[in-house]
Each structure stands twice: as C-alpha cells, then as structure tokens.
Amino acid sequence: MSEPVTRRRGDALRSDILGAVLDELRDHGYSGVTYDGVARRAHTSKPVLYRRWRSRAHLVLDALTAQLASVTPAPDTGNLRGDLIALLQLMRVRFDSAGAQALRGIVADADAELRSVVVELTDAFADEISRTVLQRARDRGELGPAPLPPLVSSVPVILFRHELLLTDEPSDKRIEEIVDTACLPLMHAATRWPVRAST
C-alpha cells in the first residue's frame, strides 16, 4: 500500500523533494534515481515533480546544488601552495559527498544548457574561496604586482573539474602535481609582468 501524499507548498515541499533525491542517490546511485522513488520517499506525486523538473538530470543537479550551497571558509595554511592544495582537497571532499558519479551521470544526460549549469556549480563553489586564497598570497608577497587574469586564477578549478568529471577522483599526489606543475608556475609568471595580448 502506497503512503499518502503529504500536502505541502513552496520551500517546504521543495526541501523535502531535494532531500528525497539525495537519499535516493545515496541508496541507489544516479542510475537508480527515478521519479517514482523520489515521489514515494518525499510523500508527493510524480506530476508535482514533472511540473518542476523536466528530467532526472535537472532534478538531481538541483539537489546537489542545494547541498553544496553552504558557506565554506577558505583554507589558510600560511602559503599559496598549501592553500591551493587544501582548496582542491576541500573540493574533492565536497563533491565526493555530493557524488562524483552523479555529476558524471548528469553530464552524460544533460543538454548544453544543463552542462553549463554543472560548470557554474563548480565555479560558484570555488570562486569566493579562490579569491580569498589569492588575495592572501598577494598580501604575503607570494605573487607579483600585475593583476591575475581570470583565466589563470580559474586554472585550479578547471583542472580539478577535468579530473573529477572525465577521469577519476584526483588523489593527493595528483592534486599536488596540478598545483606544482601548472597552477603555481602560471600564477607566478602571470603576476610578475603585465600579460599583453598578441596583435
């Protein structure tokens, strides 16, 4: 016998649904998330879900976005290398709790619009933290006087996202390699003199 539908509206209903999605992800993985399962767990109906989310990918991404939205303090190890390593380790923990496999499943199912949302999700999580880390490094004199181009400052997140979504969850060794061979040399070079576009 199915459980009765609980009548809720607005934020309360959305919160219950997204919580049910996360529970389904935990118990069944991305491929096992269904509208039937979410509706049953959230004590609502499938039409309610279909009115708000047009696909499983949209539904799961909304739940993951809500889970990752909490404020996280920027790491402060006392030097740029340590902070960048700690930042990527922090991203690994947060996205592992969200489910790297779920993110890969979303990317596989998503249209161009939704793939851009996945990119925005990872960027939004790390953007404020990265700014804080890089400003502290500049204040300590670890970076030069030239402004850091946005593309350069985003390199740690871009490389981490590539590892997370297209290969495997990066190990500590891989994170250190990303920081030591790509991020630090590029950031030091970019801030020691103005970067001029070729004509």
C-alpha atoms as a PDB file:
ATOM      1  CA  MET A   1       0.000   0.000   0.000  1.00  0.00           C
ATOM      2  CA  SER A   2       1.464   3.362  -1.034  1.00  0.00           C
ATOM      3  CA  GLU A   3       1.962   6.064   1.571  1.00  0.00           C
ATOM      4  CA  PRO A   4      -0.380   9.052   1.439  1.00  0.00           C
ATOM      5  CA  VAL A   5       0.654  12.210  -0.367  1.00  0.00           C
ATOM      6  CA  THR A   6       1.531  14.963   2.083  1.00  0.00           C
ATOM      7  CA  ARG A   7       0.236  18.359   1.055  1.00  0.00           C
ATOM      8  CA  ARG A   8       2.958  20.995   1.284  1.00  0.00           C
ATOM      9  CA  ARG A   9       3.810  24.002  -0.809  1.00  0.00           C
ATOM     10  CA  GLY A  10       6.711  26.234  -1.721  1.00  0.00           C
ATOM     11  CA  ASP A  11      10.032  25.899   0.073  1.00  0.00           C
ATOM     12  CA  ALA A  12       8.878  23.140   2.413  1.00  0.00           C
ATOM     13  CA  LEU A  13       7.839  20.903  -0.466  1.00  0.00           C
ATOM     14  CA  ARG A  14      10.976  21.651  -2.477  1.00  0.00           C
ATOM     15  CA  SER A  15      13.207  20.929   0.531  1.00  0.00           C
ATOM     16  CA  ASP A  16      11.516  17.567   1.136  1.00  0.00           C
ATOM     17  CA  ILE A  17      11.823  16.611  -2.530  1.00  0.00           C
ATOM     18  CA  LEU A  18      15.504  17.549  -2.783  1.00  0.00           C
ATOM     19  CA  GLY A  19      16.212  15.695   0.449  1.00  0.00           C
ATOM     20  CA  ALA A  20      14.489  12.643  -1.015  1.00  0.00           C
ATOM     21  CA  VAL A  21      16.638  12.929  -4.149  1.00  0.00           C
ATOM     22  CA  LEU A  22      19.820  12.909  -2.055  1.00  0.00           C
ATOM     23  CA  ASP A  23      18.573   9.883  -0.127  1.00  0.00           C
ATOM     24  CA  GLU A  24      17.825   8.070  -3.389  1.00  0.00           C
ATOM     25  CA  LEU A  25      21.287   8.942  -4.674  1.00  0.00           C
ATOM     26  CA  ARG A  26      22.873   7.581  -1.513  1.00  0.00           C
ATOM     27  CA  ASP A  27      20.883   4.341  -1.637  1.00  0.00           C
ATOM     28  CA  HIS A  28      20.731   3.650  -5.392  1.00  0.00           C
ATOM     29  CA  GLY A  29      23.252   5.862  -7.196  1.00  0.00           C
ATOM     30  CA  TYR A  30      22.447   8.215 -10.051  1.00  0.00           C
ATOM     31  CA  SER A  31      21.222   5.495 -12.398  1.00  0.00           C
ATOM     32  CA  GLY A  32      18.785   4.313  -9.720  1.00  0.00           C
ATOM     33  CA  VAL A  33      17.115   7.686  -9.128  1.00  0.00           C
ATOM     34  CA  THR A  34      13.566   7.607 -10.509  1.00  0.00           C
ATOM     35  CA  TYR A  35      10.572   9.911 -10.297  1.00  0.00           C
ATOM     36  CA  ASP A  36       8.642   7.065  -8.676  1.00  0.00           C
ATOM     37  CA  GLY A  37      11.268   6.582  -5.984  1.00  0.00           C
ATOM     38  CA  VAL A  38      11.646  10.285  -5.226  1.00  0.00           C
ATOM     39  CA  ALA A  39       7.885  10.867  -5.136  1.00  0.00           C
ATOM     40  CA  ARG A  40       7.362   7.908  -2.809  1.00  0.00           C
ATOM     41  CA  ARG A  41      10.155   8.982  -0.452  1.00  0.00           C
ATOM     42  CA  ALA A  42       9.039  12.638  -0.411  1.00  0.00           C
ATOM     43  CA  HIS A  43       5.358  11.673   0.032  1.00  0.00           C
ATOM     44  CA  THR A  44       4.285  13.591  -3.042  1.00  0.00           C
ATOM     45  CA  SER A  45       3.176  12.733  -6.584  1.00  0.00           C
ATOM     46  CA  LYS A  46       5.049  12.332  -9.844  1.00  0.00           C
ATOM     47  CA  PRO A  47       3.098  15.147 -11.543  1.00  0.00           C
ATOM     48  CA  VAL A  48       4.439  17.531  -8.890  1.00  0.00           C
ATOM     49  CA  LEU A  49       7.981  16.510  -9.843  1.00  0.00           C
ATOM     50  CA  TYR A  50       7.382  16.743 -13.577  1.00  0.00           C
ATOM     51  CA  ARG A  51       5.974  20.256 -13.219  1.00  0.00           C
ATOM     52  CA  ARG A  52       9.189  21.466 -11.569  1.00  0.00           C
ATOM     53  CA  TRP A  53      11.930  19.357 -13.175  1.00  0.00           C
ATOM     54  CA  ARG A  54      11.762  18.198 -16.782  1.00  0.00           C
ATOM     55  CA  SER A  55      14.386  15.466 -16.425  1.00  0.00           C
ATOM     56  CA  ARG A  56      16.194  13.344 -13.877  1.00  0.00           C
ATOM     57  CA  ALA A  57      19.377  15.284 -14.588  1.00  0.00           C
ATOM     58  CA  HIS A  58      17.671  18.593 -13.731  1.00  0.00           C
ATOM     59  CA  LEU A  59      16.193  17.099 -10.563  1.00  0.00           C
ATOM     60  CA  VAL A  60      19.465  15.628  -9.311  1.00  0.00           C
ATOM     61  CA  LEU A  61      21.512  18.703 -10.183  1.00  0.00           C
ATOM     62  CA  ASP A  62      19.094  20.913  -8.245  1.00  0.00           C
ATOM     63  CA  ALA A  63      19.511  18.677  -5.206  1.00  0.00           C
ATOM     64  CA  LEU A  64      23.300  18.703  -5.470  1.00  0.00           C
ATOM     65  CA  THR A  65      23.358  22.478  -5.928  1.00  0.00           C
ATOM     66  CA  ALA A  66      21.328  22.925  -2.739  1.00  0.00           C
ATOM     67  CA  GLN A  67      23.656  20.565  -0.867  1.00  0.00           C
ATOM     68  CA  LEU A  68      26.804  22.397  -1.992  1.00  0.00           C
ATOM     69  CA  ALA A  69      25.451  25.873  -1.304  1.00  0.00           C
ATOM     70  CA  SER A  70      26.623  26.073   2.318  1.00  0.00           C
ATOM     71  CA  VAL A  71      29.383  28.564   3.042  1.00  0.00           C
ATOM     72  CA  THR A  72      32.851  27.048   3.425  1.00  0.00           C
ATOM     73  CA  PRO A  73      35.783  29.003   4.892  1.00  0.00           C
ATOM     74  CA  ALA A  74      38.851  29.451   2.714  1.00  0.00           C
ATOM     75  CA  PRO A  75      41.876  27.377   3.781  1.00  0.00           C
ATOM     76  CA  ASP A  76      44.692  29.318   5.440  1.00  0.00           C
ATOM     77  CA  THR A  77      47.873  27.233   5.654  1.00  0.00           C
ATOM     78  CA  GLY A  78      50.235  30.212   5.567  1.00  0.00           C
ATOM     79  CA  ASN A  79      51.428  29.857   1.974  1.00  0.00           C
ATOM     80  CA  LEU A  80      49.924  29.761  -1.519  1.00  0.00           C
ATOM     81  CA  ARG A  81      50.970  26.202  -2.330  1.00  0.00           C
ATOM     82  CA  GLY A  82      49.404  24.835   0.836  1.00  0.00           C
ATOM     83  CA  ASP A  83      46.249  26.868   0.325  1.00  0.00           C
ATOM     84  CA  LEU A  84      45.780  25.687  -3.275  1.00  0.00           C
ATOM     85  CA  ILE A  85      46.314  22.061  -2.279  1.00  0.00           C
ATOM     86  CA  ALA A  86      43.863  22.473   0.610  1.00  0.00           C
ATOM     87  CA  LEU A  87      41.342  24.151  -1.718  1.00  0.00           C
ATOM     88  CA  LEU A  88      41.391  21.241  -4.172  1.00  0.00           C
ATOM     89  CA  GLN A  89      41.220  18.717  -1.333  1.00  0.00           C
ATOM     90  CA  LEU A  90      38.226  20.609   0.025  1.00  0.00           C
ATOM     91  CA  MET A  91      36.560  20.481  -3.392  1.00  0.00           C
ATOM     92  CA  ARG A  92      37.237  16.749  -3.542  1.00  0.00           C
ATOM     93  CA  VAL A  93      35.546  16.206  -0.188  1.00  0.00           C
ATOM     94  CA  ARG A  94      32.551  18.352  -1.069  1.00  0.00           C
ATOM     95  CA  PHE A  95      31.989  16.838  -4.485  1.00  0.00           C
ATOM     96  CA  ASP A  96      32.600  13.347  -3.170  1.00  0.00           C
ATOM     97  CA  SER A  97      29.838  13.936  -0.631  1.00  0.00           C
ATOM     98  CA  ALA A  98      27.637  15.181  -3.472  1.00  0.00           C
ATOM     99  CA  GLY A  99      28.599  12.194  -5.574  1.00  0.00           C
ATOM    100  CA  ALA A 100      31.139  12.454  -8.347  1.00  0.00           C
ATOM    101  CA  GLN A 101      29.387   9.603 -10.149  1.00  0.00           C
ATOM    102  CA  ALA A 102      26.148  11.567 -10.014  1.00  0.00           C
ATOM    103  CA  LEU A 103      27.831  14.585 -11.585  1.00  0.00           C
ATOM    104  CA  ARG A 104      29.239  12.374 -14.340  1.00  0.00           C
ATOM    105  CA  GLY A 105      25.775  10.933 -14.914  1.00  0.00           C
ATOM    106  CA  ILE A 106      24.283  14.407 -15.165  1.00  0.00           C
ATOM    107  CA  VAL A 107      26.902  15.467 -17.710  1.00  0.00           C
ATOM    108  CA  ALA A 108      26.176  12.338 -19.754  1.00  0.00           C
ATOM    109  CA  ASP A 109      22.410  13.013 -19.737  1.00  0.00           C
ATOM    110  CA  ALA A 110      22.497  16.795 -19.967  1.00  0.00           C
ATOM    111  CA  ASP A 111      21.837  19.112 -22.847  1.00  0.00           C
ATOM    112  CA  ALA A 112      24.130  22.099 -23.460  1.00  0.00           C
ATOM    113  CA  GLU A 113      22.174  24.292 -21.048  1.00  0.00           C
ATOM    114  CA  LEU A 114      22.441  21.849 -18.184  1.00  0.00           C
ATOM    115  CA  ARG A 115      26.128  21.156 -18.818  1.00  0.00           C
ATOM    116  CA  SER A 116      26.749  24.870 -18.404  1.00  0.00           C
ATOM    117  CA  VAL A 117      24.967  24.693 -15.040  1.00  0.00           C
ATOM    118  CA  VAL A 118      27.366  21.937 -13.932  1.00  0.00           C
ATOM    119  CA  VAL A 119      30.270  24.220 -14.833  1.00  0.00           C
ATOM    120  CA  GLU A 120      28.668  27.096 -12.932  1.00  0.00           C
ATOM    121  CA  LEU A 121      28.148  24.838  -9.920  1.00  0.00           C
ATOM    122  CA  THR A 122      31.830  24.010  -9.588  1.00  0.00           C
ATOM    123  CA  ASP A 123      32.861  27.576 -10.364  1.00  0.00           C
ATOM    124  CA  ALA A 124      30.467  29.111  -7.847  1.00  0.00           C
ATOM    125  CA  PHE A 125      31.639  26.807  -5.077  1.00  0.00           C
ATOM    126  CA  ALA A 126      35.308  27.691  -5.530  1.00  0.00           C
ATOM    127  CA  ASP A 127      35.169  31.285  -6.792  1.00  0.00           C
ATOM    128  CA  GLU A 128      34.910  33.129  -3.481  1.00  0.00           C
ATOM    129  CA  ILE A 129      37.370  30.775  -1.781  1.00  0.00           C
ATOM    130  CA  SER A 130      39.881  31.182  -4.624  1.00  0.00           C
ATOM    131  CA  ARG A 131      39.689  34.973  -4.441  1.00  0.00           C
ATOM    132  CA  THR A 132      40.398  34.878  -0.714  1.00  0.00           C
ATOM    133  CA  VAL A 133      43.325  32.459  -1.132  1.00  0.00           C
ATOM    134  CA  LEU A 134      44.891  34.508  -3.932  1.00  0.00           C
ATOM    135  CA  GLN A 135      44.457  37.827  -2.136  1.00  0.00           C
ATOM    136  CA  ARG A 136      46.161  36.419   0.960  1.00  0.00           C
ATOM    137  CA  ALA A 137      49.030  35.221  -1.232  1.00  0.00           C
ATOM    138  CA  ARG A 138      49.352  38.677  -2.766  1.00  0.00           C
ATOM    139  CA  ASP A 139      49.322  40.282   0.694  1.00  0.00           C
ATOM    140  CA  ARG A 140      52.135  37.924   1.753  1.00  0.00           C
ATOM    141  CA  GLY A 141      54.174  38.886  -1.307  1.00  0.00           C
ATOM    142  CA  GLU A 142      53.934  35.456  -2.941  1.00  0.00           C
ATOM    143  CA  LEU A 143      52.522  36.906  -6.167  1.00  0.00           C
ATOM    144  CA  GLY A 144      53.805  39.765  -8.273  1.00  0.00           C
ATOM    145  CA  PRO A 145      52.161  43.176  -8.750  1.00  0.00           C
ATOM    146  CA  ALA A 146      50.425  42.501 -12.073  1.00  0.00           C
ATOM    147  CA  PRO A 147      46.698  41.651 -11.945  1.00  0.00           C
ATOM    148  CA  LEU A 148      45.965  37.948 -12.135  1.00  0.00           C
ATOM    149  CA  PRO A 149      43.948  37.224 -15.310  1.00  0.00           C
ATOM    150  CA  PRO A 150      40.629  35.493 -14.509  1.00  0.00           C
ATOM    151  CA  LEU A 151      41.519  32.537 -16.733  1.00  0.00           C
ATOM    152  CA  VAL A 152      44.725  31.984 -14.765  1.00  0.00           C
ATOM    153  CA  SER A 153      43.008  32.255 -11.379  1.00  0.00           C
ATOM    154  CA  SER A 154      40.458  29.673 -12.512  1.00  0.00           C
ATOM    155  CA  VAL A 155      43.068  27.111 -13.619  1.00  0.00           C
ATOM    156  CA  PRO A 156      42.976  25.093 -10.329  1.00  0.00           C
ATOM    157  CA  VAL A 157      39.210  24.661 -10.597  1.00  0.00           C
ATOM    158  CA  ILE A 158      39.285  23.910 -14.333  1.00  0.00           C
ATOM    159  CA  LEU A 159      41.915  21.192 -13.910  1.00  0.00           C
ATOM    160  CA  PHE A 160      40.171  19.737 -10.877  1.00  0.00           C
ATOM    161  CA  ARG A 161      36.845  19.633 -12.735  1.00  0.00           C
ATOM    162  CA  HIS A 162      38.508  17.841 -15.651  1.00  0.00           C
ATOM    163  CA  GLU A 163      39.906  15.209 -13.295  1.00  0.00           C
ATOM    164  CA  LEU A 164      36.627  14.801 -11.429  1.00  0.00           C
ATOM    165  CA  LEU A 165      34.286  14.563 -14.412  1.00  0.00           C
ATOM    166  CA  LEU A 166      36.413  12.963 -17.119  1.00  0.00           C
ATOM    167  CA  THR A 167      38.936  10.739 -15.359  1.00  0.00           C
ATOM    168  CA  ASP A 168      38.973   9.721 -11.690  1.00  0.00           C
ATOM    169  CA  GLU A 169      38.691  11.496  -8.394  1.00  0.00           C
ATOM    170  CA  PRO A 170      42.120  13.139  -8.020  1.00  0.00           C
ATOM    171  CA  SER A 171      44.423  11.668  -5.388  1.00  0.00           C
ATOM    172  CA  ASP A 172      46.541  13.795  -3.050  1.00  0.00           C
ATOM    173  CA  LYS A 173      49.510  13.131  -5.311  1.00  0.00           C
ATOM    174  CA  ARG A 174      47.578  14.275  -8.385  1.00  0.00           C
ATOM    175  CA  ILE A 175      46.372  17.417  -6.593  1.00  0.00           C
ATOM    176  CA  GLU A 176      49.964  18.288  -5.648  1.00  0.00           C
ATOM    177  CA  GLU A 177      51.022  17.716  -9.255  1.00  0.00           C
ATOM    178  CA  ILE A 178      48.288  20.065 -10.510  1.00  0.00           C
ATOM    179  CA  VAL A 179      49.399  22.772  -8.081  1.00  0.00           C
ATOM    180  CA  ASP A 180      53.163  22.347  -8.525  1.00  0.00           C
ATOM    181  CA  THR A 181      53.401  21.882 -12.294  1.00  0.00           C
ATOM    182  CA  ALA A 182      50.528  24.023 -13.557  1.00  0.00           C
ATOM    183  CA  CYS A 183      48.993  26.447 -11.068  1.00  0.00           C
ATOM    184  CA  LEU A 184      51.977  27.920  -9.237  1.00  0.00           C
ATOM    185  CA  PRO A 185      54.264  28.439 -12.269  1.00  0.00           C
ATOM    186  CA  LEU A 186      51.453  30.007 -14.260  1.00  0.00           C
ATOM    187  CA  MET A 187      50.330  32.303 -11.429  1.00  0.00           C
ATOM    188  CA  HIS A 188      53.876  33.439 -10.678  1.00  0.00           C
ATOM    189  CA  ALA A 189      54.601  34.140 -14.334  1.00  0.00           C
ATOM    190  CA  ALA A 190      51.312  35.953 -14.924  1.00  0.00           C
ATOM    191  CA  THR A 191      51.673  38.325 -11.975  1.00  0.00           C
ATOM    192  CA  ARG A 192      55.313  39.306 -12.377  1.00  0.00           C
ATOM    193  CA  TRP A 193      54.655  41.348 -15.500  1.00  0.00           C
ATOM    194  CA  PRO A 194      51.563  42.543 -17.368  1.00  0.00           C
ATOM    195  CA  VAL A 195      50.167  39.962 -19.759  1.00  0.00           C
ATOM    196  CA  ARG A 196      49.718  41.507 -23.218  1.00  0.00           C
ATOM    197  CA  ALA A 197      47.506  40.067 -25.907  1.00  0.00           C
ATOM    198  CA  SER A 198      49.338  39.370 -29.166  1.00  0.00           C
ATOM    199  CA  THR A 199      48.366  41.539 -32.127  1.00  0.00           C
END
